[in-house]
Amino acid sequence: MFFRLEHNCIHVTDMKRTLEFYEKALDLKELRRKSSPEMELVFIGNGESAQQVEVIRKTGRDKAYDHGENPVHFALRTDDIDAARARHTQMGCIDHEVPEFGVYYIKDPDGYLVEIMPVRKQA
């Protein structure tokens, strides 16, 4: 038996805006789409990892989701943290930095946090 991590899920209010943000900020592109009268699902990802993000937009929902006191996030590693930070600074989406750990967080249009991490240095 095994368990393989497949995807994380976020609920958004504007699918087009969200997909544009993730493609511009993190080079994540639409992989597949499903829809029903109640909701639209889009899986985004890239060739760097099998991990995907499932983006869900419920029909008729335009009110922002409450993220509560426990802001869940997902993380991506980059081989060029300085170029990534420059891109995200230009986009105005950096939420906060944690310099003692060498990471920073961006915030998407619906308030989800994404941790940006450098590639680990070999010991």
PDB file of N, CA and C in Angstrom:
ATOM      1  N   MET A   1       0.841  -1.176   0.000  1.00  0.00           N
ATOM      2  CA  MET A   1       0.000   0.000   0.000  1.00  0.00           C
ATOM      3  C   MET A   1       0.884   1.236   0.000  1.00  0.00           C
ATOM      4  N   PHE A   2       0.441   2.292  -0.709  1.00  0.00           N
ATOM      5  CA  PHE A   2       1.154   3.565  -0.663  1.00  0.00           C
ATOM      6  C   PHE A   2       0.149   4.694  -0.736  1.00  0.00           C
ATOM      7  N   PHE A   3       0.584   5.858  -0.343  1.00  0.00           N
ATOM      8  CA  PHE A   3      -0.205   7.077  -0.450  1.00  0.00           C
ATOM      9  C   PHE A   3       0.663   8.103  -1.156  1.00  0.00           C
ATOM     10  N   ARG A   4       0.165   8.644  -2.245  1.00  0.00           N
ATOM     11  CA  ARG A   4       0.910   9.639  -3.005  1.00  0.00           C
ATOM     12  C   ARG A   4       0.133  10.956  -2.941  1.00  0.00           C
ATOM     13  N   LEU A   5       0.802  12.014  -2.563  1.00  0.00           N
ATOM     14  CA  LEU A   5       0.178  13.320  -2.522  1.00  0.00           C
ATOM     15  C   LEU A   5      -0.168  13.755  -3.941  1.00  0.00           C
ATOM     16  N   GLU A   6      -1.420  14.087  -4.189  1.00  0.00           N
ATOM     17  CA  GLU A   6      -1.885  14.424  -5.531  1.00  0.00           C
ATOM     18  C   GLU A   6      -2.118  15.916  -5.725  1.00  0.00           C
ATOM     19  N   HIS A   7      -2.929  16.526  -4.835  1.00  0.00           N
ATOM     20  CA  HIS A   7      -3.231  17.935  -5.040  1.00  0.00           C
ATOM     21  C   HIS A   7      -3.669  18.606  -3.745  1.00  0.00           C
ATOM     22  N   ASN A   8      -3.580  19.914  -3.762  1.00  0.00           N
ATOM     23  CA  ASN A   8      -4.176  20.769  -2.750  1.00  0.00           C
ATOM     24  C   ASN A   8      -5.380  21.421  -3.418  1.00  0.00           C
ATOM     25  N   CYS A   9      -6.279  21.968  -2.633  1.00  0.00           N
ATOM     26  CA  CYS A   9      -7.487  22.559  -3.184  1.00  0.00           C
ATOM     27  C   CYS A   9      -7.687  23.957  -2.620  1.00  0.00           C
ATOM     28  N   ILE A  10      -8.080  24.881  -3.488  1.00  0.00           N
ATOM     29  CA  ILE A  10      -8.476  26.215  -3.049  1.00  0.00           C
ATOM     30  C   ILE A  10      -9.816  26.547  -3.693  1.00  0.00           C
ATOM     31  N   HIS A  11     -10.623  27.330  -3.002  1.00  0.00           N
ATOM     32  CA  HIS A  11     -11.907  27.798  -3.511  1.00  0.00           C
ATOM     33  C   HIS A  11     -11.772  29.277  -3.826  1.00  0.00           C
ATOM     34  N   VAL A  12     -12.184  29.653  -5.018  1.00  0.00           N
ATOM     35  CA  VAL A  12     -11.986  31.023  -5.469  1.00  0.00           C
ATOM     36  C   VAL A  12     -13.290  31.643  -5.943  1.00  0.00           C
ATOM     37  N   THR A  13     -13.272  32.962  -6.101  1.00  0.00           N
ATOM     38  CA  THR A  13     -14.468  33.670  -6.543  1.00  0.00           C
ATOM     39  C   THR A  13     -14.433  34.039  -8.020  1.00  0.00           C
ATOM     40  N   ASP A  14     -13.242  34.046  -8.637  1.00  0.00           N
ATOM     41  CA  ASP A  14     -13.117  34.430 -10.047  1.00  0.00           C
ATOM     42  C   ASP A  14     -12.064  33.526 -10.687  1.00  0.00           C
ATOM     43  N   MET A  15     -12.515  32.535 -11.443  1.00  0.00           N
ATOM     44  CA  MET A  15     -11.605  31.541 -12.012  1.00  0.00           C
ATOM     45  C   MET A  15     -10.608  32.174 -12.970  1.00  0.00           C
ATOM     46  N   LYS A  16     -11.062  33.031 -13.858  1.00  0.00           N
ATOM     47  CA  LYS A  16     -10.168  33.644 -14.846  1.00  0.00           C
ATOM     48  C   LYS A  16      -9.059  34.439 -14.148  1.00  0.00           C
ATOM     49  N   ARG A  17      -9.422  35.267 -13.195  1.00  0.00           N
ATOM     50  CA  ARG A  17      -8.442  36.072 -12.447  1.00  0.00           C
ATOM     51  C   ARG A  17      -7.441  35.175 -11.733  1.00  0.00           C
ATOM     52  N   THR A  18      -7.924  34.101 -11.133  1.00  0.00           N
ATOM     53  CA  THR A  18      -7.052  33.192 -10.403  1.00  0.00           C
ATOM     54  C   THR A  18      -6.072  32.484 -11.327  1.00  0.00           C
ATOM     55  N   LEU A  19      -6.571  31.963 -12.446  1.00  0.00           N
ATOM     56  CA  LEU A  19      -5.697  31.266 -13.384  1.00  0.00           C
ATOM     57  C   LEU A  19      -4.643  32.214 -13.955  1.00  0.00           C
ATOM     58  N   GLU A  20      -5.029  33.443 -14.266  1.00  0.00           N
ATOM     59  CA  GLU A  20      -4.061  34.432 -14.753  1.00  0.00           C
ATOM     60  C   GLU A  20      -2.995  34.729 -13.698  1.00  0.00           C
ATOM     61  N   PHE A  21      -3.398  34.854 -12.429  1.00  0.00           N
ATOM     62  CA  PHE A  21      -2.449  35.120 -11.352  1.00  0.00           C
ATOM     63  C   PHE A  21      -1.429  33.989 -11.226  1.00  0.00           C
ATOM     64  N   TYR A  22      -1.906  32.750 -11.146  1.00  0.00           N
ATOM     65  CA  TYR A  22      -0.990  31.624 -10.932  1.00  0.00           C
ATOM     66  C   TYR A  22      -0.067  31.377 -12.134  1.00  0.00           C
ATOM     67  N   GLU A  23      -0.558  31.674 -13.329  1.00  0.00           N
ATOM     68  CA  GLU A  23       0.327  31.523 -14.484  1.00  0.00           C
ATOM     69  C   GLU A  23       1.405  32.610 -14.468  1.00  0.00           C
ATOM     70  N   LYS A  24       1.014  33.840 -14.178  1.00  0.00           N
ATOM     71  CA  LYS A  24       1.980  34.939 -14.163  1.00  0.00           C
ATOM     72  C   LYS A  24       2.945  34.830 -12.988  1.00  0.00           C
ATOM     73  N   ALA A  25       2.433  34.513 -11.813  1.00  0.00           N
ATOM     74  CA  ALA A  25       3.262  34.493 -10.597  1.00  0.00           C
ATOM     75  C   ALA A  25       4.134  33.260 -10.492  1.00  0.00           C
ATOM     76  N   LEU A  26       3.602  32.091 -10.900  1.00  0.00           N
ATOM     77  CA  LEU A  26       4.292  30.835 -10.609  1.00  0.00           C
ATOM     78  C   LEU A  26       4.414  29.890 -11.809  1.00  0.00           C
ATOM     79  N   ASP A  27       4.063  30.351 -12.979  1.00  0.00           N
ATOM     80  CA  ASP A  27       4.144  29.526 -14.191  1.00  0.00           C
ATOM     81  C   ASP A  27       3.310  28.245 -14.091  1.00  0.00           C
ATOM     82  N   LEU A  28       2.232  28.280 -13.318  1.00  0.00           N
ATOM     83  CA  LEU A  28       1.326  27.137 -13.212  1.00  0.00           C
ATOM     84  C   LEU A  28       0.241  27.295 -14.276  1.00  0.00           C
ATOM     85  N   LYS A  29       0.044  26.258 -15.061  1.00  0.00           N
ATOM     86  CA  LYS A  29      -0.889  26.315 -16.178  1.00  0.00           C
ATOM     87  C   LYS A  29      -2.021  25.311 -15.994  1.00  0.00           C
ATOM     88  N   GLU A  30      -3.117  25.584 -16.674  1.00  0.00           N
ATOM     89  CA  GLU A  30      -4.264  24.689 -16.632  1.00  0.00           C
ATOM     90  C   GLU A  30      -3.887  23.337 -17.231  1.00  0.00           C
ATOM     91  N   LEU A  31      -4.172  22.268 -16.483  1.00  0.00           N
ATOM     92  CA  LEU A  31      -3.900  20.906 -16.933  1.00  0.00           C
ATOM     93  C   LEU A  31      -5.175  20.205 -17.394  1.00  0.00           C
ATOM     94  N   ARG A  32      -6.255  20.418 -16.669  1.00  0.00           N
ATOM     95  CA  ARG A  32      -7.532  19.851 -17.065  1.00  0.00           C
ATOM     96  C   ARG A  32      -8.654  20.593 -16.350  1.00  0.00           C
ATOM     97  N   ARG A  33      -9.847  20.440 -16.878  1.00  0.00           N
ATOM     98  CA  ARG A  33     -11.001  21.189 -16.372  1.00  0.00           C
ATOM     99  C   ARG A  33     -12.215  20.267 -16.337  1.00  0.00           C
ATOM    100  N   LYS A  34     -13.031  20.446 -15.328  1.00  0.00           N
ATOM    101  CA  LYS A  34     -14.304  19.743 -15.210  1.00  0.00           C
ATOM    102  C   LYS A  34     -15.330  20.784 -14.765  1.00  0.00           C
ATOM    103  N   SER A  35     -16.580  20.560 -15.132  1.00  0.00           N
ATOM    104  CA  SER A  35     -17.604  21.491 -14.673  1.00  0.00           C
ATOM    105  C   SER A  35     -18.935  20.775 -14.526  1.00  0.00           C
ATOM    106  N   SER A  36     -19.763  21.376 -13.711  1.00  0.00           N
ATOM    107  CA  SER A  36     -21.129  20.927 -13.499  1.00  0.00           C
ATOM    108  C   SER A  36     -21.956  22.200 -13.304  1.00  0.00           C
ATOM    109  N   PRO A  37     -23.261  22.082 -13.220  1.00  0.00           N
ATOM    110  CA  PRO A  37     -24.049  23.292 -12.972  1.00  0.00           C
ATOM    111  C   PRO A  37     -23.706  23.975 -11.635  1.00  0.00           C
ATOM    112  N   GLU A  38     -23.177  23.216 -10.681  1.00  0.00           N
ATOM    113  CA  GLU A  38     -22.884  23.763  -9.363  1.00  0.00           C
ATOM    114  C   GLU A  38     -21.473  24.332  -9.218  1.00  0.00           C
ATOM    115  N   MET A  39     -20.521  23.835 -10.033  1.00  0.00           N
ATOM    116  CA  MET A  39     -19.146  24.281  -9.839  1.00  0.00           C
ATOM    117  C   MET A  39     -18.285  24.042 -11.063  1.00  0.00           C
ATOM    118  N   GLU A  40     -17.155  24.734 -11.042  1.00  0.00           N
ATOM    119  CA  GLU A  40     -16.130  24.585 -12.067  1.00  0.00           C
ATOM    120  C   GLU A  40     -14.845  24.183 -11.360  1.00  0.00           C
ATOM    121  N   LEU A  41     -14.159  23.150 -11.877  1.00  0.00           N
ATOM    122  CA  LEU A  41     -12.888  22.681 -11.319  1.00  0.00           C
ATOM    123  C   LEU A  41     -11.807  22.819 -12.374  1.00  0.00           C
ATOM    124  N   VAL A  42     -10.663  23.364 -11.971  1.00  0.00           N
ATOM    125  CA  VAL A  42      -9.518  23.431 -12.870  1.00  0.00           C
ATOM    126  C   VAL A  42      -8.306  22.969 -12.075  1.00  0.00           C
ATOM    127  N   PHE A  43      -7.562  22.038 -12.645  1.00  0.00           N
ATOM    128  CA  PHE A  43      -6.314  21.589 -12.032  1.00  0.00           C
ATOM    129  C   PHE A  43      -5.181  22.337 -12.713  1.00  0.00           C
ATOM    130  N   ILE A  44      -4.278  22.924 -11.908  1.00  0.00           N
ATOM    131  CA  ILE A  44      -3.133  23.637 -12.443  1.00  0.00           C
ATOM    132  C   ILE A  44      -1.852  22.993 -11.929  1.00  0.00           C
ATOM    133  N   GLY A  45      -0.800  23.120 -12.704  1.00  0.00           N
ATOM    134  CA  GLY A  45       0.476  22.543 -12.302  1.00  0.00           C
ATOM    135  C   GLY A  45       1.528  22.872 -13.340  1.00  0.00           C
ATOM    136  N   ASN A  46       2.668  22.181 -13.213  1.00  0.00           N
ATOM    137  CA  ASN A  46       3.749  22.343 -14.186  1.00  0.00           C
ATOM    138  C   ASN A  46       4.526  21.045 -14.293  1.00  0.00           C
ATOM    139  N   GLY A  47       5.506  20.997 -15.137  1.00  0.00           N
ATOM    140  CA  GLY A  47       6.278  19.783 -15.337  1.00  0.00           C
ATOM    141  C   GLY A  47       7.333  19.534 -14.279  1.00  0.00           C
ATOM    142  N   GLU A  48       7.475  20.431 -13.327  1.00  0.00           N
ATOM    143  CA  GLU A  48       8.500  20.291 -12.291  1.00  0.00           C
ATOM    144  C   GLU A  48       8.087  19.303 -11.203  1.00  0.00           C
ATOM    145  N   SER A  49       6.780  19.088 -11.050  1.00  0.00           N
ATOM    146  CA  SER A  49       6.274  18.224  -9.983  1.00  0.00           C
ATOM    147  C   SER A  49       4.965  17.599 -10.424  1.00  0.00           C
ATOM    148  N   ALA A  50       4.663  16.435  -9.884  1.00  0.00           N
ATOM    149  CA  ALA A  50       3.369  15.810 -10.153  1.00  0.00           C
ATOM    150  C   ALA A  50       2.265  16.452  -9.318  1.00  0.00           C
ATOM    151  N   GLN A  51       2.645  17.141  -8.264  1.00  0.00           N
ATOM    152  CA  GLN A  51       1.685  17.832  -7.390  1.00  0.00           C
ATOM    153  C   GLN A  51       0.905  18.874  -8.182  1.00  0.00           C
ATOM    154  N   GLN A  52      -0.383  18.970  -7.920  1.00  0.00           N
ATOM    155  CA  GLN A  52      -1.244  19.929  -8.602  1.00  0.00           C
ATOM    156  C   GLN A  52      -2.051  20.721  -7.588  1.00  0.00           C
ATOM    157  N   VAL A  53      -2.641  21.815  -8.060  1.00  0.00           N
ATOM    158  CA  VAL A  53      -3.574  22.601  -7.253  1.00  0.00           C
ATOM    159  C   VAL A  53      -4.928  22.509  -7.941  1.00  0.00           C
ATOM    160  N   GLU A  54      -5.919  22.081  -7.188  1.00  0.00           N
ATOM    161  CA  GLU A  54      -7.293  22.034  -7.688  1.00  0.00           C
ATOM    162  C   GLU A  54      -7.942  23.364  -7.325  1.00  0.00           C
ATOM    163  N   VAL A  55      -8.394  24.089  -8.328  1.00  0.00           N
ATOM    164  CA  VAL A  55      -9.038  25.381  -8.120  1.00  0.00           C
ATOM    165  C   VAL A  55     -10.530  25.180  -8.362  1.00  0.00           C
ATOM    166  N   ILE A  56     -11.341  25.534  -7.365  1.00  0.00           N
ATOM    167  CA  ILE A  56     -12.794  25.341  -7.451  1.00  0.00           C
ATOM    168  C   ILE A  56     -13.490  26.694  -7.361  1.00  0.00           C
ATOM    169  N   ARG A  57     -14.421  26.903  -8.279  1.00  0.00           N
ATOM    170  CA  ARG A  57     -15.289  28.073  -8.213  1.00  0.00           C
ATOM    171  C   ARG A  57     -16.726  27.573  -8.213  1.00  0.00           C
ATOM    172  N   LYS A  58     -17.446  27.884  -7.130  1.00  0.00           N
ATOM    173  CA  LYS A  58     -18.849  27.488  -7.031  1.00  0.00           C
ATOM    174  C   LYS A  58     -19.712  28.495  -7.779  1.00  0.00           C
ATOM    175  N   THR A  59     -20.656  27.986  -8.549  1.00  0.00           N
ATOM    176  CA  THR A  59     -21.550  28.828  -9.336  1.00  0.00           C
ATOM    177  C   THR A  59     -22.300  29.781  -8.414  1.00  0.00           C
ATOM    178  N   GLY A  60     -22.285  31.065  -8.787  1.00  0.00           N
ATOM    179  CA  GLY A  60     -23.020  32.070  -8.028  1.00  0.00           C
ATOM    180  C   GLY A  60     -22.285  32.621  -6.825  1.00  0.00           C
ATOM    181  N   ARG A  61     -21.122  32.102  -6.519  1.00  0.00           N
ATOM    182  CA  ARG A  61     -20.362  32.561  -5.348  1.00  0.00           C
ATOM    183  C   ARG A  61     -19.504  33.751  -5.762  1.00  0.00           C
ATOM    184  N   ASP A  62     -19.726  34.896  -5.138  1.00  0.00           N
ATOM    185  CA  ASP A  62     -18.885  36.055  -5.405  1.00  0.00           C
ATOM    186  C   ASP A  62     -18.343  36.673  -4.125  1.00  0.00           C
ATOM    187  N   LYS A  63     -18.734  36.117  -2.991  1.00  0.00           N
ATOM    188  CA  LYS A  63     -18.251  36.595  -1.691  1.00  0.00           C
ATOM    189  C   LYS A  63     -16.933  35.882  -1.369  1.00  0.00           C
ATOM    190  N   ALA A  64     -15.934  36.636  -0.920  1.00  0.00           N
ATOM    191  CA  ALA A  64     -14.636  36.051  -0.566  1.00  0.00           C
ATOM    192  C   ALA A  64     -14.805  35.025   0.552  1.00  0.00           C
ATOM    193  N   TYR A  65     -13.968  34.006   0.518  1.00  0.00           N
ATOM    194  CA  TYR A  65     -13.985  32.970   1.545  1.00  0.00           C
ATOM    195  C   TYR A  65     -13.238  33.463   2.773  1.00  0.00           C
ATOM    196  N   ASP A  66     -13.724  33.080   3.961  1.00  0.00           N
ATOM    197  CA  ASP A  66     -13.068  33.418   5.223  1.00  0.00           C
ATOM    198  C   ASP A  66     -11.997  32.378   5.488  1.00  0.00           C
ATOM    199  N   HIS A  67     -10.753  32.819   5.614  1.00  0.00           N
ATOM    200  CA  HIS A  67      -9.642  31.891   5.833  1.00  0.00           C
ATOM    201  C   HIS A  67      -9.401  31.598   7.311  1.00  0.00           C
ATOM    202  N   GLY A  68     -10.132  32.250   8.194  1.00  0.00           N
ATOM    203  CA  GLY A  68     -10.053  31.941   9.616  1.00  0.00           C
ATOM    204  C   GLY A  68      -8.703  32.245  10.244  1.00  0.00           C
ATOM    205  N   GLU A  69      -8.486  31.662  11.389  1.00  0.00           N
ATOM    206  CA  GLU A  69      -7.263  31.911  12.153  1.00  0.00           C
ATOM    207  C   GLU A  69      -6.113  30.992  11.764  1.00  0.00           C
ATOM    208  N   ASN A  70      -6.351  30.010  10.917  1.00  0.00           N
ATOM    209  CA  ASN A  70      -5.336  29.044  10.546  1.00  0.00           C
ATOM    210  C   ASN A  70      -5.102  29.114   9.042  1.00  0.00           C
ATOM    211  N   PRO A  71      -4.343  30.122   8.594  1.00  0.00           N
ATOM    212  CA  PRO A  71      -4.180  30.276   7.154  1.00  0.00           C
ATOM    213  C   PRO A  71      -3.337  29.161   6.538  1.00  0.00           C
ATOM    214  N   VAL A  72      -4.001  28.242   5.882  1.00  0.00           N
ATOM    215  CA  VAL A  72      -3.331  27.137   5.204  1.00  0.00           C
ATOM    216  C   VAL A  72      -2.583  27.708   4.010  1.00  0.00           C
ATOM    217  N   HIS A  73      -1.469  27.111   3.688  1.00  0.00           N
ATOM    218  CA  HIS A  73      -0.720  27.558   2.516  1.00  0.00           C
ATOM    219  C   HIS A  73      -0.093  26.351   1.838  1.00  0.00           C
ATOM    220  N   PHE A  74       0.371  26.558   0.617  1.00  0.00           N
ATOM    221  CA  PHE A  74       1.201  25.556  -0.032  1.00  0.00           C
ATOM    222  C   PHE A  74       2.492  26.240  -0.427  1.00  0.00           C
ATOM    223  N   ALA A  75       3.499  25.455  -0.750  1.00  0.00           N
ATOM    224  CA  ALA A  75       4.833  26.010  -0.990  1.00  0.00           C
ATOM    225  C   ALA A  75       5.404  25.521  -2.309  1.00  0.00           C
ATOM    226  N   LEU A  76       6.199  26.381  -2.929  1.00  0.00           N
ATOM    227  CA  LEU A  76       6.935  26.031  -4.146  1.00  0.00           C
ATOM    228  C   LEU A  76       8.390  26.401  -3.944  1.00  0.00           C
ATOM    229  N   ARG A  77       9.272  25.555  -4.438  1.00  0.00           N
ATOM    230  CA  ARG A  77      10.710  25.851  -4.433  1.00  0.00           C
ATOM    231  C   ARG A  77      11.079  26.469  -5.761  1.00  0.00           C
ATOM    232  N   THR A  78      12.095  27.342  -5.712  1.00  0.00           N
ATOM    233  CA  THR A  78      12.595  27.940  -6.939  1.00  0.00           C
ATOM    234  C   THR A  78      14.111  27.875  -6.957  1.00  0.00           C
ATOM    235  N   ASP A  79      14.658  27.741  -8.154  1.00  0.00           N
ATOM    236  CA  ASP A  79      16.112  27.717  -8.285  1.00  0.00           C
ATOM    237  C   ASP A  79      16.688  29.125  -8.377  1.00  0.00           C
ATOM    238  N   ASP A  80      15.827  30.159  -8.416  1.00  0.00           N
ATOM    239  CA  ASP A  80      16.297  31.545  -8.468  1.00  0.00           C
ATOM    240  C   ASP A  80      15.388  32.415  -7.604  1.00  0.00           C
ATOM    241  N   ILE A  81      15.635  32.381  -6.303  1.00  0.00           N
ATOM    242  CA  ILE A  81      14.799  33.104  -5.341  1.00  0.00           C
ATOM    243  C   ILE A  81      14.837  34.607  -5.593  1.00  0.00           C
ATOM    244  N   ASP A  82      15.970  35.150  -6.038  1.00  0.00           N
ATOM    245  CA  ASP A  82      16.072  36.588  -6.283  1.00  0.00           C
ATOM    246  C   ASP A  82      15.200  37.014  -7.465  1.00  0.00           C
ATOM    247  N   ALA A  83      15.231  36.250  -8.542  1.00  0.00           N
ATOM    248  CA  ALA A  83      14.384  36.555  -9.709  1.00  0.00           C
ATOM    249  C   ALA A  83      12.909  36.386  -9.349  1.00  0.00           C
ATOM    250  N   ALA A  84      12.589  35.356  -8.569  1.00  0.00           N
ATOM    251  CA  ALA A  84      11.205  35.145  -8.147  1.00  0.00           C
ATOM    252  C   ALA A  84      10.728  36.324  -7.304  1.00  0.00           C
ATOM    253  N   ARG A  85      11.561  36.747  -6.331  1.00  0.00           N
ATOM    254  CA  ARG A  85      11.191  37.876  -5.478  1.00  0.00           C
ATOM    255  C   ARG A  85      11.004  39.140  -6.319  1.00  0.00           C
ATOM    256  N   ALA A  86      11.867  39.354  -7.309  1.00  0.00           N
ATOM    257  CA  ALA A  86      11.734  40.528  -8.175  1.00  0.00           C
ATOM    258  C   ALA A  86      10.404  40.483  -8.947  1.00  0.00           C
ATOM    259  N   ARG A  87      10.046  39.301  -9.484  1.00  0.00           N
ATOM    260  CA  ARG A  87       8.773  39.151 -10.195  1.00  0.00           C
ATOM    261  C   ARG A  87       7.609  39.461  -9.277  1.00  0.00           C
ATOM    262  N   HIS A  88       7.637  38.896  -8.077  1.00  0.00           N
ATOM    263  CA  HIS A  88       6.512  39.068  -7.156  1.00  0.00           C
ATOM    264  C   HIS A  88       6.450  40.478  -6.578  1.00  0.00           C
ATOM    265  N   THR A  89       7.608  41.120  -6.421  1.00  0.00           N
ATOM    266  CA  THR A  89       7.620  42.517  -5.990  1.00  0.00           C
ATOM    267  C   THR A  89       6.967  43.378  -7.068  1.00  0.00           C
ATOM    268  N   GLN A  90       7.340  43.130  -8.314  1.00  0.00           N
ATOM    269  CA  GLN A  90       6.772  43.886  -9.435  1.00  0.00           C
ATOM    270  C   GLN A  90       5.254  43.676  -9.517  1.00  0.00           C
ATOM    271  N   MET A  91       4.797  42.471  -9.219  1.00  0.00           N
ATOM    272  CA  MET A  91       3.366  42.173  -9.245  1.00  0.00           C
ATOM    273  C   MET A  91       2.643  42.745  -8.026  1.00  0.00           C
ATOM    274  N   GLY A  92       3.391  43.070  -6.976  1.00  0.00           N
ATOM    275  CA  GLY A  92       2.779  43.598  -5.756  1.00  0.00           C
ATOM    276  C   GLY A  92       2.052  42.558  -4.930  1.00  0.00           C
ATOM    277  N   CYS A  93       2.480  41.295  -5.029  1.00  0.00           N
ATOM    278  CA  CYS A  93       1.745  40.230  -4.338  1.00  0.00           C
ATOM    279  C   CYS A  93       2.497  39.642  -3.142  1.00  0.00           C
ATOM    280  N   ILE A  94       3.660  40.197  -2.775  1.00  0.00           N
ATOM    281  CA  ILE A  94       4.357  39.679  -1.590  1.00  0.00           C
ATOM    282  C   ILE A  94       3.574  40.083  -0.349  1.00  0.00           C
ATOM    283  N   ASP A  95       3.249  39.108   0.463  1.00  0.00           N
ATOM    284  CA  ASP A  95       2.513  39.348   1.708  1.00  0.00           C
ATOM    285  C   ASP A  95       3.479  39.635   2.850  1.00  0.00           C
ATOM    286  N   HIS A  96       4.455  38.735   3.038  1.00  0.00           N
ATOM    287  CA  HIS A  96       5.463  38.956   4.076  1.00  0.00           C
ATOM    288  C   HIS A  96       6.673  38.067   3.813  1.00  0.00           C
ATOM    289  N   GLU A  97       7.785  38.443   4.444  1.00  0.00           N
ATOM    290  CA  GLU A  97       9.028  37.700   4.285  1.00  0.00           C
ATOM    291  C   GLU A  97       9.465  37.146   5.634  1.00  0.00           C
ATOM    292  N   VAL A  98      10.159  36.027   5.598  1.00  0.00           N
ATOM    293  CA  VAL A  98      10.733  35.415   6.801  1.00  0.00           C
ATOM    294  C   VAL A  98      12.222  35.221   6.503  1.00  0.00           C
ATOM    295  N   PRO A  99      13.004  36.311   6.603  1.00  0.00           N
ATOM    296  CA  PRO A  99      14.407  36.260   6.188  1.00  0.00           C
ATOM    297  C   PRO A  99      15.250  35.253   6.959  1.00  0.00           C
ATOM    298  N   GLU A 100      14.914  35.001   8.213  1.00  0.00           N
ATOM    299  CA  GLU A 100      15.705  34.040   8.989  1.00  0.00           C
ATOM    300  C   GLU A 100      15.590  32.617   8.443  1.00  0.00           C
ATOM    301  N   PHE A 101      14.544  32.345   7.654  1.00  0.00           N
ATOM    302  CA  PHE A 101      14.386  31.039   7.014  1.00  0.00           C
ATOM    303  C   PHE A 101      14.620  31.118   5.513  1.00  0.00           C
ATOM    304  N   GLY A 102      14.861  32.321   4.992  1.00  0.00           N
ATOM    305  CA  GLY A 102      15.136  32.486   3.570  1.00  0.00           C
ATOM    306  C   GLY A 102      13.926  32.300   2.677  1.00  0.00           C
ATOM    307  N   VAL A 103      12.734  32.515   3.208  1.00  0.00           N
ATOM    308  CA  VAL A 103      11.506  32.333   2.441  1.00  0.00           C
ATOM    309  C   VAL A 103      10.665  33.601   2.490  1.00  0.00           C
ATOM    310  N   TYR A 104       9.679  33.651   1.601  1.00  0.00           N
ATOM    311  CA  TYR A 104       8.685  34.711   1.663  1.00  0.00           C
ATOM    312  C   TYR A 104       7.356  34.146   1.179  1.00  0.00           C
ATOM    313  N   TYR A 105       6.298  34.895   1.410  1.00  0.00           N
ATOM    314  CA  TYR A 105       4.955  34.459   1.053  1.00  0.00           C
ATOM    315  C   TYR A 105       4.318  35.465   0.111  1.00  0.00           C
ATOM    316  N   ILE A 106       3.626  34.942  -0.903  1.00  0.00           N
ATOM    317  CA  ILE A 106       2.805  35.790  -1.753  1.00  0.00           C
ATOM    318  C   ILE A 106       1.348  35.487  -1.424  1.00  0.00           C
ATOM    319  N   LYS A 107       0.473  36.422  -1.777  1.00  0.00           N
ATOM    320  CA  LYS A 107      -0.957  36.243  -1.535  1.00  0.00           C
ATOM    321  C   LYS A 107      -1.674  36.319  -2.872  1.00  0.00           C
ATOM    322  N   ASP A 108      -2.542  35.332  -3.117  1.00  0.00           N
ATOM    323  CA  ASP A 108      -3.285  35.319  -4.374  1.00  0.00           C
ATOM    324  C   ASP A 108      -4.515  36.229  -4.275  1.00  0.00           C
ATOM    325  N   PRO A 109      -5.258  36.417  -5.362  1.00  0.00           N
ATOM    326  CA  PRO A 109      -6.395  37.340  -5.341  1.00  0.00           C
ATOM    327  C   PRO A 109      -7.494  36.986  -4.339  1.00  0.00           C
ATOM    328  N   ASP A 110      -7.569  35.731  -3.909  1.00  0.00           N
ATOM    329  CA  ASP A 110      -8.576  35.338  -2.922  1.00  0.00           C
ATOM    330  C   ASP A 110      -8.004  35.243  -1.513  1.00  0.00           C
ATOM    331  N   GLY A 111      -6.759  35.675  -1.323  1.00  0.00           N
ATOM    332  CA  GLY A 111      -6.173  35.719   0.008  1.00  0.00           C
ATOM    333  C   GLY A 111      -5.415  34.482   0.434  1.00  0.00           C
ATOM    334  N   TYR A 112      -5.237  33.506  -0.476  1.00  0.00           N
ATOM    335  CA  TYR A 112      -4.460  32.320  -0.127  1.00  0.00           C
ATOM    336  C   TYR A 112      -2.979  32.656  -0.132  1.00  0.00           C
ATOM    337  N   LEU A 113      -2.249  32.094   0.827  1.00  0.00           N
ATOM    338  CA  LEU A 113      -0.813  32.307   0.907  1.00  0.00           C
ATOM    339  C   LEU A 113      -0.063  31.187   0.199  1.00  0.00           C
ATOM    340  N   VAL A 114       1.020  31.570  -0.482  1.00  0.00           N
ATOM    341  CA  VAL A 114       1.887  30.613  -1.146  1.00  0.00           C
ATOM    342  C   VAL A 114       3.310  30.925  -0.682  1.00  0.00           C
ATOM    343  N   GLU A 115       3.963  29.926  -0.104  1.00  0.00           N
ATOM    344  CA  GLU A 115       5.338  30.096   0.373  1.00  0.00           C
ATOM    345  C   GLU A 115       6.307  29.871  -0.780  1.00  0.00           C
ATOM    346  N   ILE A 116       7.260  30.779  -0.931  1.00  0.00           N
ATOM    347  CA  ILE A 116       8.275  30.651  -1.959  1.00  0.00           C
ATOM    348  C   ILE A 116       9.594  30.334  -1.252  1.00  0.00           C
ATOM    349  N   MET A 117      10.176  29.195  -1.615  1.00  0.00           N
ATOM    350  CA  MET A 117      11.372  28.681  -0.933  1.00  0.00           C
ATOM    351  C   MET A 117      12.494  28.485  -1.938  1.00  0.00           C
ATOM    352  N   PRO A 118      13.751  28.739  -1.512  1.00  0.00           N
ATOM    353  CA  PRO A 118      14.870  28.438  -2.404  1.00  0.00           C
ATOM    354  C   PRO A 118      15.152  26.940  -2.421  1.00  0.00           C
ATOM    355  N   VAL A 119      15.824  26.507  -3.472  1.00  0.00           N
ATOM    356  CA  VAL A 119      16.281  25.124  -3.527  1.00  0.00           C
ATOM    357  C   VAL A 119      17.245  24.906  -2.364  1.00  0.00           C
ATOM    358  N   ARG A 120      17.139  23.756  -1.707  1.00  0.00           N
ATOM    359  CA  ARG A 120      18.024  23.451  -0.584  1.00  0.00           C
ATOM    360  C   ARG A 120      19.454  23.339  -1.060  1.00  0.00           C
ATOM    361  N   LYS A 121      20.344  23.912  -0.269  1.00  0.00           N
ATOM    362  CA  LYS A 121      21.784  23.792  -0.573  1.00  0.00           C
ATOM    363  C   LYS A 121      22.273  22.431  -0.111  1.00  0.00           C
ATOM    364  N   GLN A 122      23.140  21.834  -0.900  1.00  0.00           N
ATOM    365  CA  GLN A 122      23.695  20.531  -0.547  1.00  0.00           C
ATOM    366  C   GLN A 122      24.680  20.703   0.615  1.00  0.00           C
ATOM    367  N   ALA A 123      24.613  19.817   1.577  1.00  0.00           N
ATOM    368  CA  ALA A 123      25.493  19.890   2.745  1.00  0.00           C
ATOM    369  C   ALA A 123      26.842  19.297   2.455  1.00  0.00           C
TER     370      ALA A 123
END
